Amino acid sequence: MDARVMDSKEKLVADFRIVLSDAEELLKATASQSGEKLSGLRAKLEDNVRSAKTRLASAEEAVIGKTKVAVEATDSYVHEHPWQTIGVAAAAGAVIGLLINRR
């Protein structure tokens, strides 16, 4: 899996956590407020936060699982093809070195 996709998924999970935290703070801040409409909205928000937490946990597990698979595949490849890995790393280092020296 592409590293950018994993980074974006991890960022999405982190952003989602922030939104959930903000929603929980809003629920706490309005707990002392009364009114039928507000109570209904608060109950709906609580349900949505609970549901979102469940989905977040599932998404987190999926990201962790895919990351572990990618790490295991990379580790396996490096152990099976050490010289090719060294060659690719050396080429990448050379390219980075050339780019740094151009500045």
N, C-alpha and C. Protein backbone atom coordinates (compact mmCIF):
# COMPACT_ATOMS: atom_id res chain seq x y z
N MET A 1 0.85 -1.18 0.00
CA MET A 1 0.00 0.00 0.00
C MET A 1 0.89 1.24 0.00
N ASP A 2 0.48 2.23 -0.72
CA ASP A 2 1.23 3.47 -0.86
C ASP A 2 1.34 4.17 0.49
N ALA A 3 2.54 4.68 0.79
CA ALA A 3 2.78 5.35 2.08
C ALA A 3 1.91 6.59 2.23
N ARG A 4 1.65 7.29 1.11
CA ARG A 4 0.81 8.50 1.18
C ARG A 4 -0.61 8.15 1.57
N VAL A 5 -1.09 7.01 1.09
CA VAL A 5 -2.45 6.58 1.45
C VAL A 5 -2.51 6.26 2.94
N MET A 6 -1.48 5.56 3.45
CA MET A 6 -1.45 5.24 4.87
C MET A 6 -1.37 6.52 5.70
N ASP A 7 -0.54 7.48 5.26
CA ASP A 7 -0.42 8.74 5.99
C ASP A 7 -1.74 9.48 6.01
N SER A 8 -2.44 9.49 4.87
CA SER A 8 -3.71 10.20 4.81
C SER A 8 -4.76 9.51 5.68
N LYS A 9 -4.73 8.17 5.73
CA LYS A 9 -5.67 7.46 6.60
C LYS A 9 -5.36 7.74 8.07
N GLU A 10 -4.09 7.74 8.41
CA GLU A 10 -3.71 8.03 9.79
C GLU A 10 -4.09 9.47 10.16
N LYS A 11 -3.92 10.39 9.22
CA LYS A 11 -4.31 11.79 9.47
C LYS A 11 -5.82 11.88 9.62
N LEU A 12 -6.56 11.15 8.80
CA LEU A 12 -8.01 11.15 8.91
C LEU A 12 -8.46 10.63 10.27
N VAL A 13 -7.83 9.57 10.73
CA VAL A 13 -8.16 9.03 12.06
C VAL A 13 -7.86 10.07 13.13
N ALA A 14 -6.70 10.73 13.02
CA ALA A 14 -6.34 11.76 14.01
C ALA A 14 -7.32 12.93 13.97
N ASP A 15 -7.69 13.37 12.78
CA ASP A 15 -8.66 14.46 12.65
C ASP A 15 -10.02 14.06 13.21
N PHE A 16 -10.40 12.82 12.97
CA PHE A 16 -11.68 12.32 13.46
C PHE A 16 -11.69 12.30 14.98
N ARG A 17 -10.56 11.93 15.58
CA ARG A 17 -10.44 11.95 17.04
C ARG A 17 -10.66 13.37 17.59
N ILE A 18 -10.10 14.35 16.91
CA ILE A 18 -10.25 15.74 17.33
C ILE A 18 -11.71 16.16 17.26
N VAL A 19 -12.38 15.81 16.17
CA VAL A 19 -13.80 16.15 16.02
C VAL A 19 -14.61 15.50 17.14
N LEU A 20 -14.33 14.23 17.43
CA LEU A 20 -15.06 13.54 18.50
C LEU A 20 -14.81 14.21 19.84
N SER A 21 -13.58 14.60 20.09
CA SER A 21 -13.24 15.27 21.34
C SER A 21 -14.00 16.59 21.45
N ASP A 22 -14.05 17.34 20.36
CA ASP A 22 -14.79 18.61 20.37
C ASP A 22 -16.27 18.38 20.59
N ALA A 23 -16.82 17.34 19.98
CA ALA A 23 -18.25 17.04 20.16
C ALA A 23 -18.54 16.66 21.61
N GLU A 24 -17.64 15.89 22.22
CA GLU A 24 -17.83 15.53 23.63
C GLU A 24 -17.76 16.77 24.52
N GLU A 25 -16.84 17.68 24.23
CA GLU A 25 -16.76 18.92 25.00
C GLU A 25 -18.04 19.74 24.85
N LEU A 26 -18.59 19.77 23.64
CA LEU A 26 -19.84 20.49 23.40
C LEU A 26 -20.98 19.87 24.21
N LEU A 27 -21.01 18.54 24.25
CA LEU A 27 -22.04 17.86 25.04
C LEU A 27 -21.92 18.22 26.52
N LYS A 28 -20.70 18.23 27.02
CA LYS A 28 -20.49 18.57 28.43
C LYS A 28 -20.88 20.02 28.71
N ALA A 29 -20.54 20.92 27.77
CA ALA A 29 -20.82 22.34 27.97
C ALA A 29 -22.32 22.62 27.95
N THR A 30 -23.08 21.84 27.22
CA THR A 30 -24.52 22.10 27.13
C THR A 30 -25.32 21.21 28.07
N ALA A 31 -24.66 20.45 28.92
CA ALA A 31 -25.36 19.52 29.81
C ALA A 31 -26.32 20.25 30.75
N SER A 32 -25.95 21.43 31.17
CA SER A 32 -26.81 22.16 32.12
C SER A 32 -27.93 22.92 31.42
N GLN A 33 -27.88 23.02 30.11
CA GLN A 33 -28.92 23.72 29.35
C GLN A 33 -30.17 22.85 29.30
N SER A 34 -31.31 23.48 29.29
CA SER A 34 -32.56 22.71 29.23
C SER A 34 -33.34 23.11 27.99
N GLY A 35 -34.36 22.39 27.77
CA GLY A 35 -35.20 22.64 26.61
C GLY A 35 -35.39 21.35 25.84
N GLU A 36 -36.58 21.15 25.36
CA GLU A 36 -36.91 19.90 24.68
C GLU A 36 -36.10 19.72 23.39
N LYS A 37 -36.00 20.76 22.61
CA LYS A 37 -35.26 20.68 21.34
C LYS A 37 -33.78 20.43 21.60
N LEU A 38 -33.21 21.13 22.56
CA LEU A 38 -31.79 20.96 22.89
C LEU A 38 -31.53 19.56 23.43
N SER A 39 -32.43 19.04 24.25
CA SER A 39 -32.27 17.69 24.78
C SER A 39 -32.28 16.66 23.66
N GLY A 40 -33.16 16.85 22.71
CA GLY A 40 -33.22 15.95 21.56
C GLY A 40 -31.96 16.00 20.72
N LEU A 41 -31.47 17.21 20.49
CA LEU A 41 -30.22 17.35 19.73
C LEU A 41 -29.04 16.74 20.47
N ARG A 42 -29.01 16.95 21.78
CA ARG A 42 -27.92 16.39 22.58
C ARG A 42 -27.95 14.87 22.53
N ALA A 43 -29.13 14.27 22.62
CA ALA A 43 -29.25 12.81 22.55
C ALA A 43 -28.81 12.29 21.19
N LYS A 44 -29.20 13.01 20.14
CA LYS A 44 -28.80 12.61 18.79
C LYS A 44 -27.28 12.71 18.63
N LEU A 45 -26.69 13.78 19.14
CA LEU A 45 -25.24 13.96 19.07
C LEU A 45 -24.51 12.87 19.86
N GLU A 46 -25.03 12.52 21.03
CA GLU A 46 -24.42 11.45 21.82
C GLU A 46 -24.44 10.13 21.05
N ASP A 47 -25.55 9.83 20.40
CA ASP A 47 -25.63 8.61 19.59
C ASP A 47 -24.62 8.64 18.45
N ASN A 48 -24.54 9.79 17.79
CA ASN A 48 -23.60 9.93 16.68
C ASN A 48 -22.15 9.80 17.15
N VAL A 49 -21.84 10.36 18.31
CA VAL A 49 -20.47 10.26 18.85
C VAL A 49 -20.15 8.81 19.18
N ARG A 50 -21.09 8.11 19.80
CA ARG A 50 -20.88 6.69 20.11
C ARG A 50 -20.64 5.88 18.84
N SER A 51 -21.47 6.11 17.85
CA SER A 51 -21.34 5.41 16.58
C SER A 51 -20.01 5.74 15.90
N ALA A 52 -19.63 7.01 15.94
CA ALA A 52 -18.37 7.44 15.32
C ALA A 52 -17.18 6.81 16.02
N LYS A 53 -17.24 6.69 17.35
CA LYS A 53 -16.14 6.06 18.08
C LYS A 53 -15.99 4.60 17.67
N THR A 54 -17.10 3.93 17.48
CA THR A 54 -17.05 2.53 17.04
C THR A 54 -16.42 2.43 15.66
N ARG A 55 -16.85 3.29 14.75
CA ARG A 55 -16.27 3.27 13.39
C ARG A 55 -14.81 3.67 13.41
N LEU A 56 -14.44 4.60 14.28
CA LEU A 56 -13.05 5.01 14.39
C LEU A 56 -12.19 3.85 14.85
N ALA A 57 -12.68 3.11 15.83
CA ALA A 57 -11.92 1.95 16.32
C ALA A 57 -11.73 0.93 15.20
N SER A 58 -12.76 0.71 14.40
CA SER A 58 -12.65 -0.23 13.28
C SER A 58 -11.65 0.27 12.25
N ALA A 59 -11.71 1.56 11.94
CA ALA A 59 -10.78 2.13 10.97
C ALA A 59 -9.35 2.05 11.47
N GLU A 60 -9.17 2.32 12.76
CA GLU A 60 -7.83 2.24 13.35
C GLU A 60 -7.27 0.83 13.26
N GLU A 61 -8.12 -0.15 13.57
CA GLU A 61 -7.69 -1.55 13.48
C GLU A 61 -7.30 -1.90 12.05
N ALA A 62 -8.07 -1.42 11.08
CA ALA A 62 -7.76 -1.70 9.68
C ALA A 62 -6.43 -1.08 9.28
N VAL A 63 -6.20 0.16 9.69
CA VAL A 63 -4.93 0.83 9.36
C VAL A 63 -3.77 0.10 10.01
N ILE A 64 -3.92 -0.28 11.25
CA ILE A 64 -2.86 -1.00 11.96
C ILE A 64 -2.59 -2.34 11.28
N GLY A 65 -3.66 -3.04 10.92
CA GLY A 65 -3.51 -4.34 10.26
C GLY A 65 -2.79 -4.21 8.93
N LYS A 66 -3.18 -3.22 8.11
CA LYS A 66 -2.54 -3.03 6.81
C LYS A 66 -1.08 -2.60 6.97
N THR A 67 -0.82 -1.79 7.98
CA THR A 67 0.56 -1.36 8.24
C THR A 67 1.43 -2.56 8.61
N LYS A 68 0.90 -3.43 9.46
CA LYS A 68 1.66 -4.62 9.85
C LYS A 68 1.94 -5.51 8.64
N VAL A 69 0.96 -5.67 7.77
CA VAL A 69 1.15 -6.48 6.56
C VAL A 69 2.24 -5.87 5.69
N ALA A 70 2.20 -4.55 5.52
CA ALA A 70 3.21 -3.87 4.70
C ALA A 70 4.60 -4.02 5.31
N VAL A 71 4.70 -3.89 6.62
CA VAL A 71 5.99 -4.03 7.30
C VAL A 71 6.52 -5.45 7.14
N GLU A 72 5.66 -6.44 7.31
CA GLU A 72 6.08 -7.84 7.17
C GLU A 72 6.52 -8.13 5.75
N ALA A 73 5.79 -7.60 4.76
CA ALA A 73 6.15 -7.82 3.35
C ALA A 73 7.50 -7.17 3.05
N THR A 74 7.70 -5.97 3.55
CA THR A 74 8.98 -5.28 3.33
C THR A 74 10.12 -6.03 3.99
N ASP A 75 9.91 -6.46 5.21
CA ASP A 75 10.93 -7.21 5.93
C ASP A 75 11.28 -8.50 5.19
N SER A 76 10.27 -9.18 4.72
CA SER A 76 10.48 -10.43 3.99
C SER A 76 11.26 -10.16 2.70
N TYR A 77 10.88 -9.12 1.96
CA TYR A 77 11.56 -8.80 0.72
C TYR A 77 13.03 -8.46 0.97
N VAL A 78 13.28 -7.65 2.00
CA VAL A 78 14.66 -7.25 2.30
C VAL A 78 15.51 -8.47 2.65
N HIS A 79 14.93 -9.42 3.40
CA HIS A 79 15.69 -10.61 3.75
C HIS A 79 15.89 -11.54 2.56
N GLU A 80 14.95 -11.58 1.64
CA GLU A 80 15.07 -12.44 0.46
C GLU A 80 15.95 -11.83 -0.62
N HIS A 81 15.99 -10.50 -0.70
CA HIS A 81 16.74 -9.81 -1.75
C HIS A 81 17.63 -8.72 -1.16
N PRO A 82 18.63 -9.08 -0.37
CA PRO A 82 19.43 -8.05 0.30
C PRO A 82 20.24 -7.18 -0.67
N TRP A 83 20.80 -7.78 -1.74
CA TRP A 83 21.64 -7.00 -2.64
C TRP A 83 20.82 -6.02 -3.47
N GLN A 84 19.63 -6.43 -3.89
CA GLN A 84 18.78 -5.51 -4.63
C GLN A 84 18.37 -4.34 -3.73
N THR A 85 18.09 -4.65 -2.47
CA THR A 85 17.70 -3.60 -1.53
C THR A 85 18.85 -2.62 -1.31
N ILE A 86 20.06 -3.15 -1.19
CA ILE A 86 21.23 -2.28 -1.02
C ILE A 86 21.40 -1.40 -2.25
N GLY A 87 21.21 -1.98 -3.43
CA GLY A 87 21.32 -1.21 -4.67
C GLY A 87 20.31 -0.09 -4.75
N VAL A 88 19.07 -0.38 -4.42
CA VAL A 88 18.02 0.63 -4.46
C VAL A 88 18.32 1.72 -3.42
N ALA A 89 18.75 1.32 -2.23
CA ALA A 89 19.06 2.30 -1.19
C ALA A 89 20.23 3.19 -1.62
N ALA A 90 21.24 2.59 -2.25
CA ALA A 90 22.40 3.37 -2.71
C ALA A 90 21.99 4.35 -3.81
N ALA A 91 21.14 3.89 -4.73
CA ALA A 91 20.67 4.76 -5.80
C ALA A 91 19.84 5.91 -5.23
N ALA A 92 18.98 5.61 -4.30
CA ALA A 92 18.17 6.66 -3.68
C ALA A 92 19.06 7.65 -2.94
N GLY A 93 20.07 7.16 -2.25
CA GLY A 93 21.01 8.03 -1.55
C GLY A 93 21.77 8.92 -2.52
N ALA A 94 22.17 8.36 -3.65
CA ALA A 94 22.89 9.15 -4.66
C ALA A 94 21.99 10.26 -5.21
N VAL A 95 20.76 9.92 -5.52
CA VAL A 95 19.82 10.93 -6.06
C VAL A 95 19.60 12.02 -5.03
N ILE A 96 19.38 11.65 -3.79
CA ILE A 96 19.17 12.65 -2.75
C ILE A 96 20.41 13.51 -2.57
N GLY A 97 21.57 12.90 -2.61
CA GLY A 97 22.84 13.65 -2.51
C GLY A 97 22.98 14.64 -3.64
N LEU A 98 22.64 14.22 -4.88
CA LEU A 98 22.72 15.13 -6.02
C LEU A 98 21.73 16.29 -5.87
N LEU A 99 20.55 15.99 -5.40
CA LEU A 99 19.56 17.05 -5.22
C LEU A 99 19.99 18.04 -4.15
N ILE A 100 20.59 17.54 -3.10
CA ILE A 100 21.06 18.44 -2.02
C ILE A 100 22.20 19.31 -2.50
N ASN A 101 23.13 18.74 -3.29
CA ASN A 101 24.28 19.50 -3.77
C ASN A 101 23.88 20.55 -4.82
N ARG A 102 22.76 20.37 -5.50
CA ARG A 102 22.31 21.34 -6.51
C ARG A 102 21.87 22.64 -5.86
N ARG A 103 21.48 22.59 -4.63
CA ARG A 103 21.00 23.80 -3.93
C ARG A 103 22.17 24.55 -3.49
